[in-house]
Amino acid sequence: MWAVFLVQIFSGANFPVTVLPKWLLPIALALPLTYGFDAIRCRIAELAEYTRQAVGEGVGLRLASSTAPSLSGAMTAFECPPGVVAAQLRHQLWAQRVEIPIIERPDRLLVRVSHHFYTTEAEIDYAVARIVAEVERLRAISPLWADRLAGA
């Protein structure tokens, strides 16, 4: 039991090995698992950046989560524009086989895109295309969005 715990600690299962004391790094670097966990973290960071660009540029939704490497992970959140109704967006995305949490906060609505190392860019593109289409559709029928465009 202790052996498993120590291997997890030294291989970076719970955090990057760079936070270990320098004298423990040779042990961590000798474990093959270390390189697997580092590769997974790198892949997740790549996908998070890809998602930020695709949703930010593709949909124009404002980023709500941090871009700092120490604070970002496998989830990226974006603010929905005024006039988007959470239940409608959630329902329409689900009908198109896209399961994305729509987080209802008191001051804003968030769309949360989650991925893991096995997620492909094509899957993100598929989800982003559905989000773009649905947000545009909901904007078009929203009186709040029309008021915002009119400068009211």
C-alpha atoms as a PDB file:
ATOM      1  CA  MET A   1       0.000   0.000   0.000  1.00  0.00           C
ATOM      2  CA  TRP A   2       2.776   2.419   0.887  1.00  0.00           C
ATOM      3  CA  ALA A   3       4.616   1.462  -2.278  1.00  0.00           C
ATOM      4  CA  VAL A   4       1.668   2.487  -4.458  1.00  0.00           C
ATOM      5  CA  PHE A   5       1.348   5.772  -2.571  1.00  0.00           C
ATOM      6  CA  LEU A   6       5.056   6.547  -2.992  1.00  0.00           C
ATOM      7  CA  VAL A   7       5.050   5.681  -6.692  1.00  0.00           C
ATOM      8  CA  GLN A   8       2.071   7.993  -7.210  1.00  0.00           C
ATOM      9  CA  ILE A   9       3.797  10.826  -5.356  1.00  0.00           C
ATOM     10  CA  PHE A  10       7.142  10.391  -7.104  1.00  0.00           C
ATOM     11  CA  SER A  11       5.660   9.898 -10.584  1.00  0.00           C
ATOM     12  CA  GLY A  12       3.465  12.985 -10.521  1.00  0.00           C
ATOM     13  CA  ALA A  13       0.080  11.302 -10.439  1.00  0.00           C
ATOM     14  CA  ASN A  14      -1.448  14.090  -8.353  1.00  0.00           C
ATOM     15  CA  PHE A  15       0.793  17.036  -9.228  1.00  0.00           C
ATOM     16  CA  PRO A  16       3.769  17.746 -11.491  1.00  0.00           C
ATOM     17  CA  VAL A  17       7.072  16.363 -10.230  1.00  0.00           C
ATOM     18  CA  THR A  18       8.558  19.857 -10.530  1.00  0.00           C
ATOM     19  CA  VAL A  19       7.019  20.682  -7.145  1.00  0.00           C
ATOM     20  CA  LEU A  20       9.078  17.955  -5.470  1.00  0.00           C
ATOM     21  CA  PRO A  21      12.266  18.914  -3.639  1.00  0.00           C
ATOM     22  CA  LYS A  22      15.231  18.904  -6.040  1.00  0.00           C
ATOM     23  CA  TRP A  23      16.871  15.984  -4.256  1.00  0.00           C
ATOM     24  CA  LEU A  24      13.816  13.795  -5.081  1.00  0.00           C
ATOM     25  CA  LEU A  25      13.773  14.605  -8.811  1.00  0.00           C
ATOM     26  CA  PRO A  26      16.235  11.824  -9.774  1.00  0.00           C
ATOM     27  CA  ILE A  27      13.845   9.295  -8.228  1.00  0.00           C
ATOM     28  CA  ALA A  28      10.868  10.819 -10.039  1.00  0.00           C
ATOM     29  CA  LEU A  29      12.708  10.919 -13.359  1.00  0.00           C
ATOM     30  CA  ALA A  30      13.714   7.259 -12.996  1.00  0.00           C
ATOM     31  CA  LEU A  31      10.053   6.177 -12.920  1.00  0.00           C
ATOM     32  CA  PRO A  32       8.488   5.538 -16.357  1.00  0.00           C
ATOM     33  CA  LEU A  33       5.068   6.677 -15.088  1.00  0.00           C
ATOM     34  CA  THR A  34       6.424  10.201 -14.692  1.00  0.00           C
ATOM     35  CA  TYR A  35       6.676  10.631 -18.449  1.00  0.00           C
ATOM     36  CA  GLY A  36       3.168   9.326 -19.047  1.00  0.00           C
ATOM     37  CA  PHE A  37       1.619  11.762 -16.589  1.00  0.00           C
ATOM     38  CA  ASP A  38       3.635  14.644 -18.045  1.00  0.00           C
ATOM     39  CA  ALA A  39       2.462  13.716 -21.545  1.00  0.00           C
ATOM     40  CA  ILE A  40      -1.156  13.634 -20.373  1.00  0.00           C
ATOM     41  CA  ARG A  41      -0.817  17.063 -18.733  1.00  0.00           C
ATOM     42  CA  CYS A  42       0.727  18.488 -21.912  1.00  0.00           C
ATOM     43  CA  ARG A  43      -2.038  17.046 -24.069  1.00  0.00           C
ATOM     44  CA  ILE A  44      -4.728  18.461 -21.784  1.00  0.00           C
ATOM     45  CA  ALA A  45      -3.031  21.890 -21.894  1.00  0.00           C
ATOM     46  CA  GLU A  46      -2.963  21.725 -25.719  1.00  0.00           C
ATOM     47  CA  LEU A  47      -6.657  20.859 -25.837  1.00  0.00           C
ATOM     48  CA  ALA A  48      -7.523  23.657 -23.398  1.00  0.00           C
ATOM     49  CA  GLU A  49      -5.706  26.177 -25.604  1.00  0.00           C
ATOM     50  CA  TYR A  50      -7.380  24.754 -28.713  1.00  0.00           C
ATOM     51  CA  THR A  51     -10.770  25.092 -27.006  1.00  0.00           C
ATOM     52  CA  ARG A  52     -10.077  28.681 -25.918  1.00  0.00           C
ATOM     53  CA  GLN A  53      -9.193  29.646 -29.467  1.00  0.00           C
ATOM     54  CA  ALA A  54     -12.057  27.749 -31.103  1.00  0.00           C
ATOM     55  CA  VAL A  55     -14.769  29.066 -28.787  1.00  0.00           C
ATOM     56  CA  GLY A  56     -13.332  32.538 -28.310  1.00  0.00           C
ATOM     57  CA  GLU A  57     -12.805  33.119 -32.030  1.00  0.00           C
ATOM     58  CA  GLY A  58     -15.547  30.864 -33.362  1.00  0.00           C
ATOM     59  CA  VAL A  59     -18.351  31.976 -31.074  1.00  0.00           C
ATOM     60  CA  GLY A  60     -16.998  35.174 -29.603  1.00  0.00           C
ATOM     61  CA  LEU A  61     -17.825  34.095 -26.063  1.00  0.00           C
ATOM     62  CA  ARG A  62     -15.742  35.733 -23.343  1.00  0.00           C
ATOM     63  CA  LEU A  63     -13.362  33.452 -21.479  1.00  0.00           C
ATOM     64  CA  ALA A  64     -14.373  32.988 -17.832  1.00  0.00           C
ATOM     65  CA  SER A  65     -11.635  30.606 -16.684  1.00  0.00           C
ATOM     66  CA  SER A  66      -7.976  31.293 -16.079  1.00  0.00           C
ATOM     67  CA  THR A  67      -5.293  30.815 -18.713  1.00  0.00           C
ATOM     68  CA  ALA A  68      -2.540  30.494 -16.093  1.00  0.00           C
ATOM     69  CA  PRO A  69      -0.983  27.035 -16.416  1.00  0.00           C
ATOM     70  CA  SER A  70      -1.164  26.469 -12.653  1.00  0.00           C
ATOM     71  CA  LEU A  71      -4.886  27.325 -12.594  1.00  0.00           C
ATOM     72  CA  SER A  72      -6.131  25.777 -15.798  1.00  0.00           C
ATOM     73  CA  GLY A  73      -6.850  22.163 -16.505  1.00  0.00           C
ATOM     74  CA  ALA A  74      -9.285  20.014 -18.405  1.00  0.00           C
ATOM     75  CA  MET A  75     -12.188  22.463 -18.126  1.00  0.00           C
ATOM     76  CA  THR A  76     -12.610  25.789 -19.874  1.00  0.00           C
ATOM     77  CA  ALA A  77     -15.552  28.092 -19.127  1.00  0.00           C
ATOM     78  CA  PHE A  78     -17.042  30.830 -21.281  1.00  0.00           C
ATOM     79  CA  GLU A  79     -19.683  33.453 -20.518  1.00  0.00           C
ATOM     80  CA  CYS A  80     -22.919  33.229 -22.482  1.00  0.00           C
ATOM     81  CA  PRO A  81     -24.260  36.444 -23.987  1.00  0.00           C
ATOM     82  CA  PRO A  82     -27.384  38.068 -22.558  1.00  0.00           C
ATOM     83  CA  GLY A  83     -30.632  36.549 -23.710  1.00  0.00           C
ATOM     84  CA  VAL A  84     -29.461  32.953 -23.825  1.00  0.00           C
ATOM     85  CA  VAL A  85     -31.710  30.749 -21.722  1.00  0.00           C
ATOM     86  CA  ALA A  86     -29.798  27.926 -20.032  1.00  0.00           C
ATOM     87  CA  ALA A  87     -32.533  25.314 -20.356  1.00  0.00           C
ATOM     88  CA  GLN A  88     -32.985  26.005 -24.074  1.00  0.00           C
ATOM     89  CA  LEU A  89     -29.275  25.904 -24.821  1.00  0.00           C
ATOM     90  CA  ARG A  90     -28.773  22.723 -22.786  1.00  0.00           C
ATOM     91  CA  HIS A  91     -31.761  21.011 -24.443  1.00  0.00           C
ATOM     92  CA  GLN A  92     -30.782  21.967 -27.990  1.00  0.00           C
ATOM     93  CA  LEU A  93     -27.167  20.905 -27.535  1.00  0.00           C
ATOM     94  CA  TRP A  94     -28.240  17.595 -26.002  1.00  0.00           C
ATOM     95  CA  ALA A  95     -30.549  16.978 -28.963  1.00  0.00           C
ATOM     96  CA  GLN A  96     -27.439  17.262 -31.176  1.00  0.00           C
ATOM     97  CA  ARG A  97     -25.479  14.791 -29.012  1.00  0.00           C
ATOM     98  CA  VAL A  98     -23.412  17.471 -27.269  1.00  0.00           C
ATOM     99  CA  GLU A  99     -23.295  17.192 -23.505  1.00  0.00           C
ATOM    100  CA  ILE A 100     -21.869  20.430 -22.142  1.00  0.00           C
ATOM    101  CA  PRO A 101     -22.726  21.808 -18.718  1.00  0.00           C
ATOM    102  CA  ILE A 102     -24.470  25.163 -18.734  1.00  0.00           C
ATOM    103  CA  ILE A 103     -23.712  26.702 -15.355  1.00  0.00           C
ATOM    104  CA  GLU A 104     -26.272  29.140 -14.018  1.00  0.00           C
ATOM    105  CA  ARG A 105     -24.591  31.729 -11.772  1.00  0.00           C
ATOM    106  CA  PRO A 106     -26.464  34.617 -10.154  1.00  0.00           C
ATOM    107  CA  ASP A 107     -24.650  37.165 -12.317  1.00  0.00           C
ATOM    108  CA  ARG A 108     -23.997  35.211 -15.512  1.00  0.00           C
ATOM    109  CA  LEU A 109     -24.435  32.033 -17.486  1.00  0.00           C
ATOM    110  CA  LEU A 110     -21.400  29.868 -18.267  1.00  0.00           C
ATOM    111  CA  VAL A 111     -20.741  27.207 -20.883  1.00  0.00           C
ATOM    112  CA  ARG A 112     -18.152  24.718 -19.644  1.00  0.00           C
ATOM    113  CA  VAL A 113     -16.184  22.674 -22.146  1.00  0.00           C
ATOM    114  CA  SER A 114     -14.430  19.678 -20.576  1.00  0.00           C
ATOM    115  CA  HIS A 115     -11.919  17.390 -22.197  1.00  0.00           C
ATOM    116  CA  HIS A 116      -9.327  14.810 -21.339  1.00  0.00           C
ATOM    117  CA  PHE A 117      -6.214  13.588 -23.135  1.00  0.00           C
ATOM    118  CA  TYR A 118      -8.269  11.237 -25.329  1.00  0.00           C
ATOM    119  CA  THR A 119     -10.529  14.020 -26.670  1.00  0.00           C
ATOM    120  CA  THR A 120      -9.807  14.855 -30.304  1.00  0.00           C
ATOM    121  CA  GLU A 121      -9.751  18.262 -31.966  1.00  0.00           C
ATOM    122  CA  ALA A 122     -12.525  16.979 -34.253  1.00  0.00           C
ATOM    123  CA  GLU A 123     -14.751  16.374 -31.222  1.00  0.00           C
ATOM    124  CA  ILE A 124     -14.048  19.893 -29.961  1.00  0.00           C
ATOM    125  CA  ASP A 125     -14.775  21.293 -33.439  1.00  0.00           C
ATOM    126  CA  TYR A 126     -18.067  19.378 -33.533  1.00  0.00           C
ATOM    127  CA  ALA A 127     -19.113  20.763 -30.131  1.00  0.00           C
ATOM    128  CA  VAL A 128     -17.997  24.303 -31.021  1.00  0.00           C
ATOM    129  CA  ALA A 129     -19.943  24.228 -34.301  1.00  0.00           C
ATOM    130  CA  ARG A 130     -23.087  23.201 -32.396  1.00  0.00           C
ATOM    131  CA  ILE A 131     -22.515  25.872 -29.728  1.00  0.00           C
ATOM    132  CA  VAL A 132     -21.998  28.539 -32.423  1.00  0.00           C
ATOM    133  CA  ALA A 133     -25.172  27.573 -34.248  1.00  0.00           C
ATOM    134  CA  GLU A 134     -27.274  27.370 -31.106  1.00  0.00           C
ATOM    135  CA  VAL A 135     -26.006  30.604 -29.542  1.00  0.00           C
ATOM    136  CA  GLU A 136     -26.611  32.422 -32.842  1.00  0.00           C
ATOM    137  CA  ARG A 137     -30.125  30.970 -33.047  1.00  0.00           C
ATOM    138  CA  LEU A 138     -30.916  31.968 -29.480  1.00  0.00           C
ATOM    139  CA  ARG A 139     -29.452  35.442 -30.020  1.00  0.00           C
ATOM    140  CA  ALA A 140     -31.660  35.913 -33.073  1.00  0.00           C
ATOM    141  CA  ILE A 141     -34.849  35.232 -31.110  1.00  0.00           C
ATOM    142  CA  SER A 142     -33.822  37.061 -27.927  1.00  0.00           C
ATOM    143  CA  PRO A 143     -35.276  40.502 -27.217  1.00  0.00           C
ATOM    144  CA  LEU A 144     -32.342  41.129 -24.827  1.00  0.00           C
ATOM    145  CA  TRP A 145     -29.829  40.607 -27.630  1.00  0.00           C
ATOM    146  CA  ALA A 146     -31.813  42.872 -29.976  1.00  0.00           C
ATOM    147  CA  ASP A 147     -31.829  45.589 -27.284  1.00  0.00           C
ATOM    148  CA  ARG A 148     -28.081  45.203 -26.803  1.00  0.00           C
ATOM    149  CA  LEU A 149     -27.432  45.583 -30.529  1.00  0.00           C
ATOM    150  CA  ALA A 150     -29.689  48.639 -30.636  1.00  0.00           C
ATOM    151  CA  GLY A 151     -27.647  50.211 -27.839  1.00  0.00           C
ATOM    152  CA  ALA A 152     -30.476  50.211 -25.319  1.00  0.00           C
END
